[in-house]
Amino acid sequence: MTSEVLYLARRDAYAAFLTAADAESNVAWHRLDGRFVDGASAVAAVDTAYAATRAAFNVIAVEGVGPVEEARTVLELLAAMHKDGGLAPDWKGFKTAREAFVVAASGFLMGSH
């Protein structure tokens, strides 16, 4: 595989993970804001969003290089946002972890291109 193809695949995987993480954080926000009809709808939305984020993370984790630990931290903070009915999400922690992932991913991509 050429370095360009590998670069593009990694870039796309990192972008997909960020997109899924942002979507999941939006679900957490909507839950906290009371935008779901009921608790069951909120839990279903959380489950769907978490599954998408986890699937995007798995693409990064399988390769085992690059910002795997930073992605894992984002995933863990997202999971923590949903604990206790989603009443106390750590937005600052999530944003800090998300930014650390972006910096690590960017640095890894620059070094591999």
PDB file of N, CA and C in Angstrom:
ATOM      1  N   MET A   1       0.858  -1.175   0.000  1.00  0.00           N
ATOM      2  CA  MET A   1       0.000   0.000   0.000  1.00  0.00           C
ATOM      3  C   MET A   1       0.901   1.235   0.000  1.00  0.00           C
ATOM      4  N   THR A   2       0.581   2.195  -0.836  1.00  0.00           N
ATOM      5  CA  THR A   2       1.386   3.405  -0.891  1.00  0.00           C
ATOM      6  C   THR A   2       1.146   4.260   0.342  1.00  0.00           C
ATOM      7  N   SER A   3       2.119   5.104   0.619  1.00  0.00           N
ATOM      8  CA  SER A   3       1.977   5.963   1.792  1.00  0.00           C
ATOM      9  C   SER A   3       0.802   6.931   1.638  1.00  0.00           C
ATOM     10  N   GLU A   4       0.507   7.356   0.415  1.00  0.00           N
ATOM     11  CA  GLU A   4      -0.635   8.247   0.204  1.00  0.00           C
ATOM     12  C   GLU A   4      -1.959   7.563   0.518  1.00  0.00           C
ATOM     13  N   VAL A   5      -2.096   6.334   0.079  1.00  0.00           N
ATOM     14  CA  VAL A   5      -3.328   5.584   0.339  1.00  0.00           C
ATOM     15  C   VAL A   5      -3.488   5.351   1.841  1.00  0.00           C
ATOM     16  N   LEU A   6      -2.408   4.993   2.507  1.00  0.00           N
ATOM     17  CA  LEU A   6      -2.441   4.768   3.949  1.00  0.00           C
ATOM     18  C   LEU A   6      -2.778   6.066   4.686  1.00  0.00           C
ATOM     19  N   TYR A   7      -2.166   7.150   4.258  1.00  0.00           N
ATOM     20  CA  TYR A   7      -2.452   8.468   4.840  1.00  0.00           C
ATOM     21  C   TYR A   7      -3.940   8.792   4.724  1.00  0.00           C
ATOM     22  N   LEU A   8      -4.502   8.629   3.535  1.00  0.00           N
ATOM     23  CA  LEU A   8      -5.914   8.947   3.305  1.00  0.00           C
ATOM     24  C   LEU A   8      -6.836   8.043   4.117  1.00  0.00           C
ATOM     25  N   ALA A   9      -6.489   6.774   4.217  1.00  0.00           N
ATOM     26  CA  ALA A   9      -7.304   5.845   5.010  1.00  0.00           C
ATOM     27  C   ALA A   9      -7.302   6.241   6.481  1.00  0.00           C
ATOM     28  N   ARG A  10      -6.130   6.585   6.988  1.00  0.00           N
ATOM     29  CA  ARG A  10      -6.035   7.007   8.393  1.00  0.00           C
ATOM     30  C   ARG A  10      -6.774   8.324   8.605  1.00  0.00           C
ATOM     31  N   ARG A  11      -6.589   9.257   7.697  1.00  0.00           N
ATOM     32  CA  ARG A  11      -7.275  10.545   7.817  1.00  0.00           C
ATOM     33  C   ARG A  11      -8.785  10.338   7.865  1.00  0.00           C
ATOM     34  N   ASP A  12      -9.279   9.503   6.983  1.00  0.00           N
ATOM     35  CA  ASP A  12     -10.713   9.239   6.948  1.00  0.00           C
ATOM     36  C   ASP A  12     -11.193   8.538   8.216  1.00  0.00           C
ATOM     37  N   ALA A  13     -10.387   7.622   8.733  1.00  0.00           N
ATOM     38  CA  ALA A  13     -10.752   6.927   9.975  1.00  0.00           C
ATOM     39  C   ALA A  13     -10.795   7.901  11.147  1.00  0.00           C
ATOM     40  N   TYR A  14      -9.825   8.803  11.208  1.00  0.00           N
ATOM     41  CA  TYR A  14      -9.801   9.788  12.294  1.00  0.00           C
ATOM     42  C   TYR A  14     -10.980  10.749  12.179  1.00  0.00           C
ATOM     43  N   ALA A  15     -11.274  11.175  10.962  1.00  0.00           N
ATOM     44  CA  ALA A  15     -12.417  12.080  10.755  1.00  0.00           C
ATOM     45  C   ALA A  15     -13.737  11.382  11.104  1.00  0.00           C
ATOM     46  N   ALA A  16     -13.864  10.114  10.731  1.00  0.00           N
ATOM     47  CA  ALA A  16     -15.089   9.363  11.046  1.00  0.00           C
ATOM     48  C   ALA A  16     -15.251   9.226  12.555  1.00  0.00           C
ATOM     49  N   PHE A  17     -14.154   9.000  13.251  1.00  0.00           N
ATOM     50  CA  PHE A  17     -14.219   8.893  14.710  1.00  0.00           C
ATOM     51  C   PHE A  17     -14.660  10.225  15.319  1.00  0.00           C
ATOM     52  N   LEU A  18     -14.085  11.326  14.852  1.00  0.00           N
ATOM     53  CA  LEU A  18     -14.470  12.637  15.376  1.00  0.00           C
ATOM     54  C   LEU A  18     -15.936  12.945  15.100  1.00  0.00           C
ATOM     55  N   THR A  19     -16.384  12.602  13.914  1.00  0.00           N
ATOM     56  CA  THR A  19     -17.787  12.834  13.554  1.00  0.00           C
ATOM     57  C   THR A  19     -18.709  12.029  14.472  1.00  0.00           C
ATOM     58  N   ALA A  20     -18.362  10.767  14.701  1.00  0.00           N
ATOM     59  CA  ALA A  20     -19.176   9.920  15.579  1.00  0.00           C
ATOM     60  C   ALA A  20     -19.139  10.439  17.019  1.00  0.00           C
ATOM     61  N   ALA A  21     -17.966  10.851  17.485  1.00  0.00           N
ATOM     62  CA  ALA A  21     -17.840  11.381  18.844  1.00  0.00           C
ATOM     63  C   ALA A  21     -18.659  12.656  19.011  1.00  0.00           C
ATOM     64  N   ASP A  22     -18.604  13.526  18.016  1.00  0.00           N
ATOM     65  CA  ASP A  22     -19.397  14.758  18.084  1.00  0.00           C
ATOM     66  C   ASP A  22     -20.896  14.453  18.078  1.00  0.00           C
ATOM     67  N   ALA A  23     -21.304  13.499  17.267  1.00  0.00           N
ATOM     68  CA  ALA A  23     -22.719  13.114  17.236  1.00  0.00           C
ATOM     69  C   ALA A  23     -23.149  12.550  18.587  1.00  0.00           C
ATOM     70  N   GLU A  24     -22.286  11.749  19.186  1.00  0.00           N
ATOM     71  CA  GLU A  24     -22.630  11.184  20.495  1.00  0.00           C
ATOM     72  C   GLU A  24     -22.689  12.271  21.566  1.00  0.00           C
ATOM     73  N   SER A  25     -21.787  13.230  21.507  1.00  0.00           N
ATOM     74  CA  SER A  25     -21.840  14.312  22.495  1.00  0.00           C
ATOM     75  C   SER A  25     -23.110  15.142  22.298  1.00  0.00           C
ATOM     76  N   ASN A  26     -23.573  15.268  21.050  1.00  0.00           N
ATOM     77  CA  ASN A  26     -24.844  15.956  20.802  1.00  0.00           C
ATOM     78  C   ASN A  26     -26.018  15.205  21.417  1.00  0.00           C
ATOM     79  N   VAL A  27     -25.975  13.888  21.360  1.00  0.00           N
ATOM     80  CA  VAL A  27     -27.020  13.089  21.999  1.00  0.00           C
ATOM     81  C   VAL A  27     -27.012  13.354  23.507  1.00  0.00           C
ATOM     82  N   ALA A  28     -25.819  13.404  24.091  1.00  0.00           N
ATOM     83  CA  ALA A  28     -25.717  13.683  25.531  1.00  0.00           C
ATOM     84  C   ALA A  28     -26.307  15.062  25.841  1.00  0.00           C
ATOM     85  N   TRP A  29     -26.016  16.025  24.994  1.00  0.00           N
ATOM     86  CA  TRP A  29     -26.548  17.372  25.189  1.00  0.00           C
ATOM     87  C   TRP A  29     -28.079  17.375  25.066  1.00  0.00           C
ATOM     88  N   HIS A  30     -28.580  16.732  24.036  1.00  0.00           N
ATOM     89  CA  HIS A  30     -30.035  16.688  23.838  1.00  0.00           C
ATOM     90  C   HIS A  30     -30.723  15.971  25.001  1.00  0.00           C
ATOM     91  N   ARG A  31     -30.074  14.951  25.511  1.00  0.00           N
ATOM     92  CA  ARG A  31     -30.640  14.232  26.664  1.00  0.00           C
ATOM     93  C   ARG A  31     -30.717  15.151  27.877  1.00  0.00           C
ATOM     94  N   LEU A  32     -29.616  15.844  28.145  1.00  0.00           N
ATOM     95  CA  LEU A  32     -29.573  16.752  29.290  1.00  0.00           C
ATOM     96  C   LEU A  32     -30.584  17.883  29.125  1.00  0.00           C
ATOM     97  N   ASP A  33     -30.767  18.316  27.888  1.00  0.00           N
ATOM     98  CA  ASP A  33     -31.678  19.421  27.580  1.00  0.00           C
ATOM     99  C   ASP A  33     -33.144  18.981  27.529  1.00  0.00           C
ATOM    100  N   GLY A  34     -33.392  17.677  27.697  1.00  0.00           N
ATOM    101  CA  GLY A  34     -34.758  17.182  27.715  1.00  0.00           C
ATOM    102  C   GLY A  34     -35.421  17.119  26.356  1.00  0.00           C
ATOM    103  N   ARG A  35     -34.657  16.931  25.313  1.00  0.00           N
ATOM    104  CA  ARG A  35     -35.220  16.934  23.958  1.00  0.00           C
ATOM    105  C   ARG A  35     -35.781  15.582  23.515  1.00  0.00           C
ATOM    106  N   PHE A  36     -35.629  14.564  24.332  1.00  0.00           N
ATOM    107  CA  PHE A  36     -36.190  13.257  23.985  1.00  0.00           C
ATOM    108  C   PHE A  36     -37.562  13.119  24.624  1.00  0.00           C
ATOM    109  N   VAL A  37     -38.414  12.370  23.966  1.00  0.00           N
ATOM    110  CA  VAL A  37     -39.796  12.203  24.417  1.00  0.00           C
ATOM    111  C   VAL A  37     -39.845  11.578  25.806  1.00  0.00           C
ATOM    112  N   ASP A  38     -38.985  10.594  26.027  1.00  0.00           N
ATOM    113  CA  ASP A  38     -38.965   9.914  27.322  1.00  0.00           C
ATOM    114  C   ASP A  38     -37.590   9.290  27.537  1.00  0.00           C
ATOM    115  N   GLY A  39     -37.427   8.677  28.692  1.00  0.00           N
ATOM    116  CA  GLY A  39     -36.153   8.057  29.038  1.00  0.00           C
ATOM    117  C   GLY A  39     -35.755   6.939  28.096  1.00  0.00           C
ATOM    118  N   ALA A  40     -36.731   6.164  27.652  1.00  0.00           N
ATOM    119  CA  ALA A  40     -36.434   5.048  26.741  1.00  0.00           C
ATOM    120  C   ALA A  40     -35.898   5.561  25.407  1.00  0.00           C
ATOM    121  N   SER A  41     -36.455   6.642  24.907  1.00  0.00           N
ATOM    122  CA  SER A  41     -35.975   7.238  23.657  1.00  0.00           C
ATOM    123  C   SER A  41     -34.550   7.767  23.821  1.00  0.00           C
ATOM    124  N   ALA A  42     -34.280   8.358  24.961  1.00  0.00           N
ATOM    125  CA  ALA A  42     -32.941   8.875  25.237  1.00  0.00           C
ATOM    126  C   ALA A  42     -31.933   7.736  25.295  1.00  0.00           C
ATOM    127  N   VAL A  43     -32.282   6.671  25.989  1.00  0.00           N
ATOM    128  CA  VAL A  43     -31.372   5.521  26.093  1.00  0.00           C
ATOM    129  C   VAL A  43     -31.137   4.890  24.725  1.00  0.00           C
ATOM    130  N   ALA A  44     -32.180   4.790  23.921  1.00  0.00           N
ATOM    131  CA  ALA A  44     -32.025   4.235  22.573  1.00  0.00           C
ATOM    132  C   ALA A  44     -31.091   5.105  21.732  1.00  0.00           C
ATOM    133  N   ALA A  45     -31.233   6.412  21.836  1.00  0.00           N
ATOM    134  CA  ALA A  45     -30.348   7.319  21.096  1.00  0.00           C
ATOM    135  C   ALA A  45     -28.908   7.206  21.580  1.00  0.00           C
ATOM    136  N   VAL A  46     -28.730   7.094  22.882  1.00  0.00           N
ATOM    137  CA  VAL A  46     -27.393   6.907  23.457  1.00  0.00           C
ATOM    138  C   VAL A  46     -26.785   5.615  22.936  1.00  0.00           C
ATOM    139  N   ASP A  47     -27.546   4.532  22.975  1.00  0.00           N
ATOM    140  CA  ASP A  47     -27.042   3.234  22.520  1.00  0.00           C
ATOM    141  C   ASP A  47     -26.623   3.276  21.052  1.00  0.00           C
ATOM    142  N   THR A  48     -27.430   3.906  20.222  1.00  0.00           N
ATOM    143  CA  THR A  48     -27.125   4.016  18.795  1.00  0.00           C
ATOM    144  C   THR A  48     -25.870   4.856  18.567  1.00  0.00           C
ATOM    145  N   ALA A  49     -25.797   5.987  19.258  1.00  0.00           N
ATOM    146  CA  ALA A  49     -24.632   6.865  19.097  1.00  0.00           C
ATOM    147  C   ALA A  49     -23.364   6.189  19.606  1.00  0.00           C
ATOM    148  N   TYR A  50     -23.461   5.524  20.753  1.00  0.00           N
ATOM    149  CA  TYR A  50     -22.288   4.859  21.306  1.00  0.00           C
ATOM    150  C   TYR A  50     -21.813   3.742  20.381  1.00  0.00           C
ATOM    151  N   ALA A  51     -22.733   3.005  19.796  1.00  0.00           N
ATOM    152  CA  ALA A  51     -22.350   1.933  18.869  1.00  0.00           C
ATOM    153  C   ALA A  51     -21.590   2.498  17.664  1.00  0.00           C
ATOM    154  N   ALA A  52     -22.030   3.631  17.153  1.00  0.00           N
ATOM    155  CA  ALA A  52     -21.347   4.254  16.013  1.00  0.00           C
ATOM    156  C   ALA A  52     -19.960   4.743  16.414  1.00  0.00           C
ATOM    157  N   THR A  53     -19.853   5.353  17.579  1.00  0.00           N
ATOM    158  CA  THR A  53     -18.552   5.833  18.044  1.00  0.00           C
ATOM    159  C   THR A  53     -17.615   4.665  18.283  1.00  0.00           C
ATOM    160  N   ARG A  54     -18.131   3.606  18.890  1.00  0.00           N
ATOM    161  CA  ARG A  54     -17.314   2.420  19.157  1.00  0.00           C
ATOM    162  C   ARG A  54     -16.833   1.783  17.854  1.00  0.00           C
ATOM    163  N   ALA A  55     -17.696   1.704  16.862  1.00  0.00           N
ATOM    164  CA  ALA A  55     -17.312   1.134  15.560  1.00  0.00           C
ATOM    165  C   ALA A  55     -16.209   1.974  14.918  1.00  0.00           C
ATOM    166  N   ALA A  56     -16.325   3.304  14.995  1.00  0.00           N
ATOM    167  CA  ALA A  56     -15.287   4.172  14.434  1.00  0.00           C
ATOM    168  C   ALA A  56     -13.984   4.035  15.215  1.00  0.00           C
ATOM    169  N   PHE A  57     -14.085   3.866  16.523  1.00  0.00           N
ATOM    170  CA  PHE A  57     -12.894   3.653  17.344  1.00  0.00           C
ATOM    171  C   PHE A  57     -12.212   2.340  16.973  1.00  0.00           C
ATOM    172  N   ASN A  58     -12.992   1.304  16.730  1.00  0.00           N
ATOM    173  CA  ASN A  58     -12.412  -0.003  16.419  1.00  0.00           C
ATOM    174  C   ASN A  58     -11.510   0.039  15.189  1.00  0.00           C
ATOM    175  N   VAL A  59     -11.841   0.856  14.216  1.00  0.00           N
ATOM    176  CA  VAL A  59     -10.997   0.993  13.023  1.00  0.00           C
ATOM    177  C   VAL A  59      -9.617   1.518  13.422  1.00  0.00           C
ATOM    178  N   ILE A  60      -9.591   2.459  14.342  1.00  0.00           N
ATOM    179  CA  ILE A  60      -8.326   3.032  14.815  1.00  0.00           C
ATOM    180  C   ILE A  60      -7.594   2.027  15.700  1.00  0.00           C
ATOM    181  N   ALA A  61      -8.327   1.376  16.581  1.00  0.00           N
ATOM    182  CA  ALA A  61      -7.712   0.453  17.539  1.00  0.00           C
ATOM    183  C   ALA A  61      -7.116  -0.773  16.864  1.00  0.00           C
ATOM    184  N   VAL A  62      -7.740  -1.268  15.813  1.00  0.00           N
ATOM    185  CA  VAL A  62      -7.262  -2.470  15.134  1.00  0.00           C
ATOM    186  C   VAL A  62      -5.864  -2.245  14.565  1.00  0.00           C
ATOM    187  N   GLU A  63      -5.641  -1.073  14.014  1.00  0.00           N
ATOM    188  CA  GLU A  63      -4.317  -0.794  13.452  1.00  0.00           C
ATOM    189  C   GLU A  63      -3.274  -0.717  14.559  1.00  0.00           C
ATOM    190  N   GLY A  64      -3.649  -0.162  15.685  1.00  0.00           N
ATOM    191  CA  GLY A  64      -2.766  -0.156  16.842  1.00  0.00           C
ATOM    192  C   GLY A  64      -1.640   0.860  16.804  1.00  0.00           C
ATOM    193  N   VAL A  65      -1.674   1.772  15.859  1.00  0.00           N
ATOM    194  CA  VAL A  65      -0.675   2.844  15.806  1.00  0.00           C
ATOM    195  C   VAL A  65      -1.404   4.172  15.722  1.00  0.00           C
ATOM    196  N   GLY A  66      -0.695   5.238  15.998  1.00  0.00           N
ATOM    197  CA  GLY A  66      -1.321   6.548  15.952  1.00  0.00           C
ATOM    198  C   GLY A  66      -2.006   6.890  17.268  1.00  0.00           C
ATOM    199  N   PRO A  67      -3.027   7.711  17.214  1.00  0.00           N
ATOM    200  CA  PRO A  67      -3.649   8.246  18.426  1.00  0.00           C
ATOM    201  C   PRO A  67      -4.664   7.284  19.077  1.00  0.00           C
ATOM    202  N   VAL A  68      -4.269   6.048  19.269  1.00  0.00           N
ATOM    203  CA  VAL A  68      -5.185   5.056  19.838  1.00  0.00           C
ATOM    204  C   VAL A  68      -5.559   5.414  21.273  1.00  0.00           C
ATOM    205  N   GLU A  69      -4.583   5.754  22.089  1.00  0.00           N
ATOM    206  CA  GLU A  69      -4.879   6.062  23.497  1.00  0.00           C
ATOM    207  C   GLU A  69      -5.723   7.335  23.618  1.00  0.00           C
ATOM    208  N   GLU A  70      -5.449   8.316  22.790  1.00  0.00           N
ATOM    209  CA  GLU A  70      -6.251   9.542  22.806  1.00  0.00           C
ATOM    210  C   GLU A  70      -7.691   9.243  22.398  1.00  0.00           C
ATOM    211  N   ALA A  71      -7.864   8.384  21.403  1.00  0.00           N
ATOM    212  CA  ALA A  71      -9.213   7.986  20.986  1.00  0.00           C
ATOM    213  C   ALA A  71      -9.911   7.218  22.103  1.00  0.00           C
ATOM    214  N   ARG A  72      -9.167   6.351  22.770  1.00  0.00           N
ATOM    215  CA  ARG A  72      -9.749   5.583  23.877  1.00  0.00           C
ATOM    216  C   ARG A  72     -10.226   6.530  24.982  1.00  0.00           C
ATOM    217  N   THR A  73      -9.455   7.558  25.266  1.00  0.00           N
ATOM    218  CA  THR A  73      -9.840   8.527  26.296  1.00  0.00           C
ATOM    219  C   THR A  73     -11.136   9.242  25.900  1.00  0.00           C
ATOM    220  N   VAL A  74     -11.244   9.638  24.627  1.00  0.00           N
ATOM    221  CA  VAL A  74     -12.478  10.268  24.141  1.00  0.00           C
ATOM    222  C   VAL A  74     -13.654   9.317  24.338  1.00  0.00           C
ATOM    223  N   LEU A  75     -13.464   8.063  23.956  1.00  0.00           N
ATOM    224  CA  LEU A  75     -14.519   7.062  24.086  1.00  0.00           C
ATOM    225  C   LEU A  75     -14.937   6.882  25.542  1.00  0.00           C
ATOM    226  N   GLU A  76     -13.964   6.821  26.443  1.00  0.00           N
ATOM    227  CA  GLU A  76     -14.260   6.655  27.871  1.00  0.00           C
ATOM    228  C   GLU A  76     -15.006   7.864  28.434  1.00  0.00           C
ATOM    229  N   LEU A  77     -14.605   9.060  28.023  1.00  0.00           N
ATOM    230  CA  LEU A  77     -15.298  10.254  28.504  1.00  0.00           C
ATOM    231  C   LEU A  77     -16.719  10.338  27.965  1.00  0.00           C
ATOM    232  N   LEU A  78     -16.912   9.914  26.730  1.00  0.00           N
ATOM    233  CA  LEU A  78     -18.273   9.870  26.194  1.00  0.00           C
ATOM    234  C   LEU A  78     -19.127   8.881  26.979  1.00  0.00           C
ATOM    235  N   ALA A  79     -18.591   7.709  27.263  1.00  0.00           N
ATOM    236  CA  ALA A  79     -19.348   6.719  28.029  1.00  0.00           C
ATOM    237  C   ALA A  79     -19.714   7.277  29.403  1.00  0.00           C
ATOM    238  N   ALA A  80     -18.787   7.998  30.013  1.00  0.00           N
ATOM    239  CA  ALA A  80     -19.045   8.581  31.336  1.00  0.00           C
ATOM    240  C   ALA A  80     -20.142   9.649  31.282  1.00  0.00           C
ATOM    241  N   MET A  81     -20.289  10.307  30.130  1.00  0.00           N
ATOM    242  CA  MET A  81     -21.328  11.329  29.996  1.00  0.00           C
ATOM    243  C   MET A  81     -22.730  10.748  30.168  1.00  0.00           C
ATOM    244  N   HIS A  82     -22.875   9.470  29.897  1.00  0.00           N
ATOM    245  CA  HIS A  82     -24.189   8.839  29.929  1.00  0.00           C
ATOM    246  C   HIS A  82     -24.517   8.188  31.275  1.00  0.00           C
ATOM    247  N   LYS A  83     -23.556   8.173  32.170  1.00  0.00           N
ATOM    248  CA  LYS A  83     -23.802   7.561  33.482  1.00  0.00           C
ATOM    249  C   LYS A  83     -24.779   8.417  34.280  1.00  0.00           C
ATOM    250  N   ASP A  84     -25.430   7.806  35.232  1.00  0.00           N
ATOM    251  CA  ASP A  84     -26.373   8.508  36.104  1.00  0.00           C
ATOM    252  C   ASP A  84     -27.453   9.255  35.318  1.00  0.00           C
ATOM    253  N   GLY A  85     -27.908   8.638  34.242  1.00  0.00           N
ATOM    254  CA  GLY A  85     -28.965   9.245  33.445  1.00  0.00           C
ATOM    255  C   GLY A  85     -28.521  10.457  32.651  1.00  0.00           C
ATOM    256  N   GLY A  86     -27.209  10.640  32.506  1.00  0.00           N
ATOM    257  CA  GLY A  86     -26.693  11.756  31.717  1.00  0.00           C
ATOM    258  C   GLY A  86     -26.869  13.108  32.372  1.00  0.00           C
ATOM    259  N   LEU A  87     -26.977  13.129  33.699  1.00  0.00           N
ATOM    260  CA  LEU A  87     -27.261  14.381  34.394  1.00  0.00           C
ATOM    261  C   LEU A  87     -26.041  15.253  34.658  1.00  0.00           C
ATOM    262  N   ALA A  88     -24.832  14.696  34.528  1.00  0.00           N
ATOM    263  CA  ALA A  88     -23.633  15.478  34.846  1.00  0.00           C
ATOM    264  C   ALA A  88     -22.493  15.194  33.871  1.00  0.00           C
ATOM    265  N   PRO A  89     -22.713  15.445  32.583  1.00  0.00           N
ATOM    266  CA  PRO A  89     -21.639  15.183  31.627  1.00  0.00           C
ATOM    267  C   PRO A  89     -20.455  16.128  31.826  1.00  0.00           C
ATOM    268  N   ASP A  90     -19.267  15.607  31.617  1.00  0.00           N
ATOM    269  CA  ASP A  90     -18.035  16.376  31.762  1.00  0.00           C
ATOM    270  C   ASP A  90     -17.672  16.973  30.401  1.00  0.00           C
ATOM    271  N   TRP A  91     -18.289  18.108  30.073  1.00  0.00           N
ATOM    272  CA  TRP A  91     -18.061  18.727  28.764  1.00  0.00           C
ATOM    273  C   TRP A  91     -16.616  19.173  28.613  1.00  0.00           C
ATOM    274  N   LYS A  92     -16.065  19.748  29.664  1.00  0.00           N
ATOM    275  CA  LYS A  92     -14.688  20.238  29.584  1.00  0.00           C
ATOM    276  C   LYS A  92     -13.718  19.083  29.352  1.00  0.00           C
ATOM    277  N   GLY A  93     -13.908  17.999  30.078  1.00  0.00           N
ATOM    278  CA  GLY A  93     -13.048  16.832  29.897  1.00  0.00           C
ATOM    279  C   GLY A  93     -13.148  16.273  28.496  1.00  0.00           C
ATOM    280  N   PHE A  94     -14.380  16.208  27.977  1.00  0.00           N
ATOM    281  CA  PHE A  94     -14.578  15.705  26.624  1.00  0.00           C
ATOM    282  C   PHE A  94     -13.889  16.606  25.609  1.00  0.00           C
ATOM    283  N   LYS A  95     -14.099  17.915  25.718  1.00  0.00           N
ATOM    284  CA  LYS A  95     -13.494  18.839  24.759  1.00  0.00           C
ATOM    285  C   LYS A  95     -11.976  18.800  24.824  1.00  0.00           C
ATOM    286  N   THR A  96     -11.436  18.675  26.025  1.00  0.00           N
ATOM    287  CA  THR A  96      -9.984  18.569  26.182  1.00  0.00           C
ATOM    288  C   THR A  96      -9.467  17.287  25.543  1.00  0.00           C
ATOM    289  N   ALA A  97     -10.144  16.189  25.777  1.00  0.00           N
ATOM    290  CA  ALA A  97      -9.740  14.907  25.194  1.00  0.00           C
ATOM    291  C   ALA A  97      -9.898  14.916  23.680  1.00  0.00           C
ATOM    292  N   ARG A  98     -10.969  15.519  23.201  1.00  0.00           N
ATOM    293  CA  ARG A  98     -11.187  15.614  21.757  1.00  0.00           C
ATOM    294  C   ARG A  98     -10.057  16.389  21.102  1.00  0.00           C
ATOM    295  N   GLU A  99      -9.683  17.518  21.711  1.00  0.00           N
ATOM    296  CA  GLU A  99      -8.597  18.335  21.161  1.00  0.00           C
ATOM    297  C   GLU A  99      -7.269  17.576  21.207  1.00  0.00           C
ATOM    298  N   ALA A 100      -7.028  16.829  22.279  1.00  0.00           N
ATOM    299  CA  ALA A 100      -5.800  16.020  22.364  1.00  0.00           C
ATOM    300  C   ALA A 100      -5.775  14.976  21.251  1.00  0.00           C
ATOM    301  N   PHE A 101      -6.931  14.400  20.943  1.00  0.00           N
ATOM    302  CA  PHE A 101      -7.005  13.446  19.838  1.00  0.00           C
ATOM    303  C   PHE A 101      -6.684  14.131  18.518  1.00  0.00           C
ATOM    304  N   VAL A 102      -7.265  15.301  18.287  1.00  0.00           N
ATOM    305  CA  VAL A 102      -7.028  16.027  17.036  1.00  0.00           C
ATOM    306  C   VAL A 102      -5.539  16.344  16.879  1.00  0.00           C
ATOM    307  N   VAL A 103      -4.919  16.820  17.931  1.00  0.00           N
ATOM    308  CA  VAL A 103      -3.492  17.158  17.885  1.00  0.00           C
ATOM    309  C   VAL A 103      -2.662  15.909  17.616  1.00  0.00           C
ATOM    310  N   ALA A 104      -2.951  14.828  18.322  1.00  0.00           N
ATOM    311  CA  ALA A 104      -2.208  13.581  18.128  1.00  0.00           C
ATOM    312  C   ALA A 104      -2.409  13.011  16.741  1.00  0.00           C
ATOM    313  N   ALA A 105      -3.650  13.029  16.263  1.00  0.00           N
ATOM    314  CA  ALA A 105      -3.949  12.501  14.922  1.00  0.00           C
ATOM    315  C   ALA A 105      -3.234  13.326  13.859  1.00  0.00           C
ATOM    316  N   SER A 106      -3.294  14.630  13.991  1.00  0.00           N
ATOM    317  CA  SER A 106      -2.648  15.511  13.034  1.00  0.00           C
ATOM    318  C   SER A 106      -1.128  15.279  13.029  1.00  0.00           C
ATOM    319  N   GLY A 107      -0.559  15.196  14.206  1.00  0.00           N
ATOM    320  CA  GLY A 107       0.879  14.937  14.297  1.00  0.00           C
ATOM    321  C   GLY A 107       1.274  13.611  13.702  1.00  0.00           C
ATOM    322  N   PHE A 108       0.471  12.599  13.949  1.00  0.00           N
ATOM    323  CA  PHE A 108       0.757  11.270  13.396  1.00  0.00           C
ATOM    324  C   PHE A 108       0.640  11.299  11.878  1.00  0.00           C
ATOM    325  N   LEU A 109      -0.404  11.944  11.367  1.00  0.00           N
ATOM    326  CA  LEU A 109      -0.582  12.021   9.914  1.00  0.00           C
ATOM    327  C   LEU A 109       0.557  12.790   9.252  1.00  0.00           C
ATOM    328  N   MET A 110       0.974  13.870   9.864  1.00  0.00           N
ATOM    329  CA  MET A 110       2.085  14.647   9.291  1.00  0.00           C
ATOM    330  C   MET A 110       3.375  13.838   9.271  1.00  0.00           C
ATOM    331  N   GLY A 111       3.567  13.045  10.299  1.00  0.00           N
ATOM    332  CA  GLY A 111       4.777  12.222  10.372  1.00  0.00           C
ATOM    333  C   GLY A 111       4.748  11.024   9.448  1.00  0.00           C
ATOM    334  N   SER A 112       3.551  10.618   9.018  1.00  0.00           N
ATOM    335  CA  SER A 112       3.443   9.428   8.170  1.00  0.00           C
ATOM    336  C   SER A 112       3.279   9.768   6.706  1.00  0.00           C
ATOM    337  N   HIS A 113       3.225  11.052   6.393  1.00  0.00           N
ATOM    338  CA  HIS A 113       3.006  11.447   4.991  1.00  0.00           C
ATOM    339  C   HIS A 113       4.307  11.876   4.340  1.00  0.00           C
TER     340      HIS A 113
END
